[in-house]
C-alpha cells in the first residue's frame, strides 16, 4: 500500500517523460499546473488571505515583488466556471504538451503569465486567475488543429473564435479597455511562442524566434554556400528537385517532426512532407 503512493522520478528525460510520478500517476506540465489550480481553490476556502501573495498587484510588482508576474494565474477563487476553465486547460494542454514536449509547454505557460503580467503592471491593472492563460492555450490548440470537430461537427477554430468574441464583448460591456489589450497581448504571446516551438507552421505571417534549423541555414548562408542568381537558376532548381521556397518548407516540416514527433503533423502536413521528400529523391 505504501508503494502505491510513492513518488519516483524517471531515469531519462525524453519528450514524453513526466517530471515525476506519484504512484502510477505521471505528473507532466499539463497535470501539474491544473493540480496547483485545484489546490489554490482549497487554499482560498481555508482563508482567502493566504492567496494574497500570489495576486498581481501592479503597485507591488513595481515595488519589487516580481514573483507576482508568475504566480497571479494560480490565485483562484472557486466557482463552477473556474472549474470548467481548469478542466479545459488540462484537456487541451495535454494535447499541446504531447506535440511540444513538457519543457516547451511549461515555457509557454510561464510566458503567458510573465508577458501579460508585465503589460498589466505598465497599465496599472491588478490580475488573478487562470482564465486568460486557458483562452490562449485553447486558441493555440485550435490554430494548430483547426479542423478538429466538437459537438456535432463544429470545427475547433469556430469554438476559439466564439470564446474570444464572447470574452471581448464582456470586456467591452464592462468598459475594461486595459483588459482587452492584455487579452490581445496574451494571444500574441501564445502565437509567437508556439510558432517558435515548432507549431503553427502553416501561419508564416506569425513572427517567431529562430530555431536550431534556422540558425544552421543562416550559418551556411554566411559561409558563402549560396547559389548566385542568373539565367542558370531555373536549371539548378529543376535539377535539385526543389525550389528554394520548397526547401524552406521541407526544412520547417522536418524541424517540427524532429522537435515534436511525426504524430504532431496534421494530415495535410504529412501529405506535403511525403510530396516534397519524393520530389527531392527524384533529383
Protein backbone atom coordinates (compact mmCIF):
# COMPACT_ATOMS: atom_id res chain seq x y z
CA UNK A 1 0.00 0.00 0.00
CA UNK A 2 2.85 2.39 0.83
CA UNK A 3 4.39 1.94 -2.63
CA UNK A 4 1.10 2.90 -4.21
CA UNK A 5 1.53 6.50 -3.09
CA UNK A 6 5.31 6.72 -3.52
CA UNK A 7 7.00 9.46 -5.53
CA UNK A 8 9.50 8.49 -8.20
CA UNK A 9 11.49 10.29 -10.88
CA UNK A 10 12.11 8.96 -14.41
CA UNK A 11 15.63 7.87 -15.14
CA UNK A 12 15.57 9.54 -18.54
CA UNK A 13 14.26 12.90 -19.70
CA UNK A 14 12.70 12.42 -23.09
CA UNK A 15 9.97 14.34 -24.91
CA UNK A 16 7.09 12.39 -23.33
CA UNK A 17 8.53 11.82 -19.86
CA UNK A 18 6.72 13.21 -16.80
CA UNK A 19 8.50 15.45 -14.34
CA UNK A 20 7.90 12.81 -11.68
CA UNK A 21 5.38 10.13 -10.74
CA UNK A 22 3.09 9.85 -7.75
CA UNK A 23 2.29 6.16 -7.56
CA UNK A 24 1.07 5.35 -11.09
CA UNK A 25 0.21 8.98 -11.96
CA UNK A 26 2.58 10.66 -14.41
CA UNK A 27 2.91 14.29 -13.33
CA UNK A 28 3.50 16.25 -16.51
CA UNK A 29 3.22 20.00 -17.03
CA UNK A 30 -0.39 19.62 -18.18
CA UNK A 31 -1.20 17.76 -14.96
CA UNK A 32 0.90 19.83 -12.55
CA UNK A 33 -0.50 23.29 -13.37
CA UNK A 34 -4.21 22.32 -13.18
CA UNK A 35 -3.44 20.44 -9.95
CA UNK A 36 -1.93 23.61 -8.47
CA UNK A 37 -5.05 25.50 -9.55
CA UNK A 38 -7.23 23.00 -7.69
CA UNK A 39 -5.05 23.28 -4.59
CA UNK A 40 -5.39 27.06 -4.82
CA UNK A 41 -9.19 26.78 -4.63
CA UNK A 42 -8.94 24.74 -1.43
CA UNK A 43 -6.49 27.28 0.00
CA UNK A 44 -8.95 30.08 -0.80
CA UNK A 45 -11.69 28.14 1.00
CA UNK A 46 -9.47 27.84 4.07
CA UNK A 47 -8.60 31.54 4.06
CA UNK A 48 -8.69 33.88 1.03
CA UNK A 49 -5.89 35.96 2.52
CA UNK A 50 -3.48 33.06 2.02
CA UNK A 51 -3.60 33.71 -1.74
CA UNK A 52 -2.88 37.42 -1.47
CA UNK A 53 0.91 36.97 -2.04
CA UNK A 54 0.12 35.36 -5.42
CA UNK A 55 -2.11 38.11 -6.83
CA UNK A 56 -0.62 40.55 -9.32
CA UNK A 57 -0.94 43.91 -7.58
CA UNK A 58 0.63 46.29 -10.10
CA UNK A 59 1.97 48.64 -7.45
CA UNK A 60 3.60 45.76 -5.55
CA UNK A 61 5.30 44.48 -8.71
CA UNK A 62 6.68 47.94 -9.38
CA UNK A 63 7.83 47.93 -5.78
CA UNK A 64 9.99 44.85 -6.38
CA UNK A 65 7.68 41.88 -5.75
CA UNK A 66 8.41 40.45 -9.19
CA UNK A 67 7.32 36.89 -8.32
CA UNK A 68 3.73 38.07 -8.75
CA UNK A 69 4.38 38.19 -12.52
CA UNK A 70 4.44 34.37 -12.46
CA UNK A 71 2.10 33.45 -9.62
CA UNK A 72 -1.02 35.51 -10.45
CA UNK A 73 -2.73 32.78 -12.56
CA UNK A 74 -2.67 30.48 -9.51
CA UNK A 75 -4.62 32.88 -7.28
CA UNK A 76 -8.02 31.29 -7.92
CA UNK A 77 -11.41 31.74 -6.33
CA UNK A 78 -13.55 28.58 -6.69
CA UNK A 79 -16.72 28.59 -8.79
CA UNK A 80 -18.21 26.37 -11.48
CA UNK A 81 -16.82 28.41 -14.37
CA UNK A 82 -13.34 28.32 -12.89
CA UNK A 83 -13.61 24.55 -12.53
CA UNK A 84 -14.56 24.26 -16.22
CA UNK A 85 -11.66 26.54 -17.14
CA UNK A 86 -9.21 24.31 -15.25
CA UNK A 87 -10.66 21.20 -16.91
CA UNK A 88 -10.20 22.77 -20.37
CA UNK A 89 -6.65 23.80 -19.51
CA UNK A 90 -5.87 20.21 -18.54
CA UNK A 91 -7.54 18.65 -21.59
CA UNK A 92 -6.20 20.90 -24.32
CA UNK A 93 -2.91 21.49 -22.52
CA UNK A 94 -2.35 17.74 -22.53
CA UNK A 95 -2.62 17.71 -26.32
CA UNK A 96 -0.29 20.68 -26.73
CA UNK A 97 2.23 19.13 -24.36
CA UNK A 98 2.16 15.94 -26.44
CA UNK A 99 3.04 17.99 -29.52
CA UNK A 100 5.50 20.42 -27.90
CA UNK A 101 7.06 18.45 -25.07
CA UNK A 102 6.75 19.13 -21.34
CA UNK A 103 9.56 21.70 -21.14
CA UNK A 104 8.37 23.80 -24.07
CA UNK A 105 4.79 23.64 -22.88
CA UNK A 106 5.93 24.81 -19.45
CA UNK A 107 7.74 27.72 -21.07
CA UNK A 108 4.56 28.59 -22.97
CA UNK A 109 2.62 28.80 -19.69
CA UNK A 110 5.38 30.80 -17.98
CA UNK A 111 5.47 33.33 -20.82
CA UNK A 112 1.66 33.54 -20.77
CA UNK A 113 1.99 34.67 -17.16
CA UNK A 114 5.02 36.98 -17.43
CA UNK A 115 4.31 38.91 -20.65
CA UNK A 116 0.64 39.79 -19.91
CA UNK A 117 1.73 40.39 -16.31
CA UNK A 118 4.23 42.99 -17.47
CA UNK A 119 1.54 44.60 -19.62
CA UNK A 120 -0.81 44.71 -16.62
CA UNK A 121 1.90 46.28 -14.48
CA UNK A 122 2.50 49.00 -17.05
CA UNK A 123 -1.24 49.64 -17.37
CA UNK A 124 -1.69 49.58 -13.57
CA UNK A 125 -4.13 46.66 -13.73
CA UNK A 126 -4.42 44.07 -10.94
CA UNK A 127 -4.92 40.45 -12.06
CA UNK A 128 -5.57 36.96 -10.74
CA UNK A 129 -6.94 33.73 -12.16
CA UNK A 130 -6.17 31.22 -14.89
CA UNK A 131 -8.85 32.19 -17.43
CA UNK A 132 -6.65 34.32 -19.70
CA UNK A 133 -3.99 31.60 -19.85
CA UNK A 134 -6.58 28.93 -20.68
CA UNK A 135 -8.08 31.00 -23.51
CA UNK A 136 -4.64 31.46 -25.06
CA UNK A 137 -3.84 27.74 -24.73
CA UNK A 138 -7.11 26.74 -26.37
CA UNK A 139 -6.54 29.21 -29.21
CA UNK A 140 -3.13 27.68 -29.91
CA UNK A 141 -4.73 24.22 -29.97
CA UNK A 142 -7.48 25.42 -32.32
CA UNK A 143 -5.00 27.16 -34.61
CA UNK A 144 -2.79 24.07 -34.81
CA UNK A 145 -5.72 21.69 -35.35
CA UNK A 146 -8.46 23.93 -36.77
CA UNK A 147 -10.46 21.09 -38.31
CA UNK A 148 -10.89 19.04 -35.12
CA UNK A 149 -14.66 18.70 -34.59
CA UNK A 150 -16.68 19.27 -31.43
CA UNK A 151 -20.38 18.87 -30.59
CA UNK A 152 -21.99 17.87 -33.84
CA UNK A 153 -19.14 18.68 -36.16
CA UNK A 154 -18.30 22.29 -35.24
CA UNK A 155 -14.62 22.99 -36.09
CA UNK A 156 -12.19 23.92 -33.30
CA UNK A 157 -11.41 27.29 -34.89
CA UNK A 158 -15.08 28.27 -34.65
CA UNK A 159 -15.12 27.50 -30.92
CA UNK A 160 -11.94 29.54 -30.44
CA UNK A 161 -13.44 32.48 -32.33
CA UNK A 162 -16.65 32.29 -30.26
CA UNK A 163 -14.76 32.13 -26.94
CA UNK A 164 -12.53 35.08 -27.81
CA UNK A 165 -15.51 37.01 -29.20
CA UNK A 166 -17.60 36.50 -26.07
CA UNK A 167 -14.67 37.48 -23.87
CA UNK A 168 -14.19 40.64 -25.93
CA UNK A 169 -17.87 41.55 -25.75
CA UNK A 170 -17.84 41.05 -21.99
CA UNK A 171 -14.84 43.32 -21.53
CA UNK A 172 -16.27 45.93 -23.90
CA UNK A 173 -19.52 45.93 -21.95
CA UNK A 174 -17.61 46.37 -18.70
CA UNK A 175 -15.60 49.19 -20.31
CA UNK A 176 -12.34 47.45 -19.36
CA UNK A 177 -10.21 48.53 -22.29
CA UNK A 178 -6.99 47.67 -20.46
CA UNK A 179 -8.06 44.03 -20.08
CA UNK A 180 -8.88 43.87 -23.79
CA UNK A 181 -5.33 44.96 -24.54
CA UNK A 182 -3.95 42.39 -22.08
CA UNK A 183 -6.02 39.64 -23.72
CA UNK A 184 -4.58 40.59 -27.11
CA UNK A 185 -1.08 40.52 -25.59
CA UNK A 186 -1.79 37.01 -24.27
CA UNK A 187 -2.95 35.77 -27.67
CA UNK A 188 0.05 37.31 -29.42
CA UNK A 189 2.44 35.82 -26.85
CA UNK A 190 0.87 32.39 -27.31
CA UNK A 191 1.08 32.60 -31.11
CA UNK A 192 4.72 33.73 -31.25
CA UNK A 193 5.83 31.21 -28.61
CA UNK A 194 4.02 28.29 -30.25
CA UNK A 195 5.43 29.28 -33.67
CA UNK A 196 8.93 29.46 -32.18
CA UNK A 197 8.50 25.98 -30.69
CA UNK A 198 7.53 24.34 -33.97
CA UNK A 199 3.74 24.67 -34.02
CA UNK A 200 1.55 26.88 -36.26
CA UNK A 201 3.93 26.36 -39.19
CA UNK A 202 1.10 27.00 -41.65
CA UNK A 203 0.87 30.61 -40.43
CA UNK A 204 4.01 32.05 -42.00
CA UNK A 205 2.95 35.60 -41.08
CA UNK A 206 3.36 34.91 -37.35
CA UNK A 207 6.84 36.06 -36.24
CA UNK A 208 8.99 33.54 -34.41
CA UNK A 209 12.35 33.23 -32.75
CA UNK A 210 14.91 31.38 -34.90
CA UNK A 211 15.12 27.62 -34.29
CA UNK A 212 18.24 25.49 -34.42
CA UNK A 213 17.47 24.67 -38.04
CA UNK A 214 17.11 28.36 -38.87
CA UNK A 215 20.47 29.11 -37.26
CA UNK A 216 22.10 26.27 -39.21
CA UNK A 217 20.75 27.58 -42.50
CA UNK A 218 21.86 31.11 -41.63
CA UNK A 219 25.35 29.81 -40.82
CA UNK A 220 25.53 28.05 -44.17
CA UNK A 221 24.42 31.22 -45.92
CA UNK A 222 27.09 33.27 -44.14
CA UNK A 223 29.72 30.72 -45.13
CA UNK A 224 29.07 31.58 -48.76
CA UNK A 225 27.43 28.35 -49.86
CA UNK A 226 24.65 30.05 -51.82
CA UNK A 227 23.53 29.94 -55.43
CA UNK A 228 24.24 33.06 -57.44
CA UNK A 229 21.21 34.33 -59.29
CA UNK A 230 21.44 34.23 -63.05
CA UNK A 231 19.99 32.65 -66.17
CA UNK A 232 21.00 29.21 -64.87
CA UNK A 233 18.94 29.48 -61.68
CA UNK A 234 15.88 27.74 -63.09
CA UNK A 235 18.06 24.86 -64.34
CA UNK A 236 19.65 24.40 -60.91
CA UNK A 237 16.28 24.42 -59.16
CA UNK A 238 14.94 21.80 -61.56
CA UNK A 239 17.99 19.55 -61.24
CA UNK A 240 17.90 19.78 -57.44
CA UNK A 241 14.24 18.79 -57.46
CA UNK A 242 13.08 21.56 -55.09
CA UNK A 243 12.91 25.30 -55.37
CA UNK A 244 14.36 27.44 -52.53
CA UNK A 245 10.83 28.04 -51.21
CA UNK A 246 10.14 24.29 -51.22
CA UNK A 247 13.45 23.63 -49.46
CA UNK A 248 12.45 26.11 -46.75
CA UNK A 249 9.04 24.45 -46.42
CA UNK A 250 10.64 21.00 -46.17
CA UNK A 251 13.11 22.23 -43.56
CA UNK A 252 10.26 23.66 -41.47
CA UNK A 253 8.36 20.36 -41.59
CA UNK A 254 11.49 18.39 -40.69
CA UNK A 255 12.25 20.76 -37.80
CA UNK A 256 8.74 20.26 -36.46
CA UNK A 257 8.99 16.47 -36.83
CA UNK A 258 12.35 16.45 -35.06
CA UNK A 259 11.08 18.62 -32.22
CA UNK A 260 7.64 17.14 -31.61
CA UNK A 261 7.44 13.85 -33.50
CA UNK A 262 5.74 12.75 -36.69
CA UNK A 263 2.37 12.39 -34.96
CA UNK A 264 2.31 16.14 -34.33
CA UNK A 265 1.94 16.82 -38.05
CA UNK A 266 -1.53 17.33 -39.43
CA UNK A 267 -2.82 15.14 -42.24
CA UNK A 268 -2.12 17.88 -44.76
CA UNK A 269 1.39 18.45 -43.41
CA UNK A 270 2.20 14.73 -43.62
CA UNK A 271 0.99 14.63 -47.20
CA UNK A 272 3.09 17.69 -48.05
CA UNK A 273 6.16 16.18 -46.34
CA UNK A 274 5.78 12.99 -48.38
CA UNK A 275 5.33 15.00 -51.57
CA UNK A 276 8.44 17.13 -51.00
CA UNK A 277 10.52 14.12 -49.92
CA UNK A 278 9.51 12.19 -53.05
CA UNK A 279 10.35 15.19 -55.22
CA UNK A 280 13.75 15.51 -53.55
CA UNK A 281 14.52 11.84 -54.12
CA UNK A 282 13.85 12.30 -57.83
CA UNK A 283 16.58 14.91 -58.16
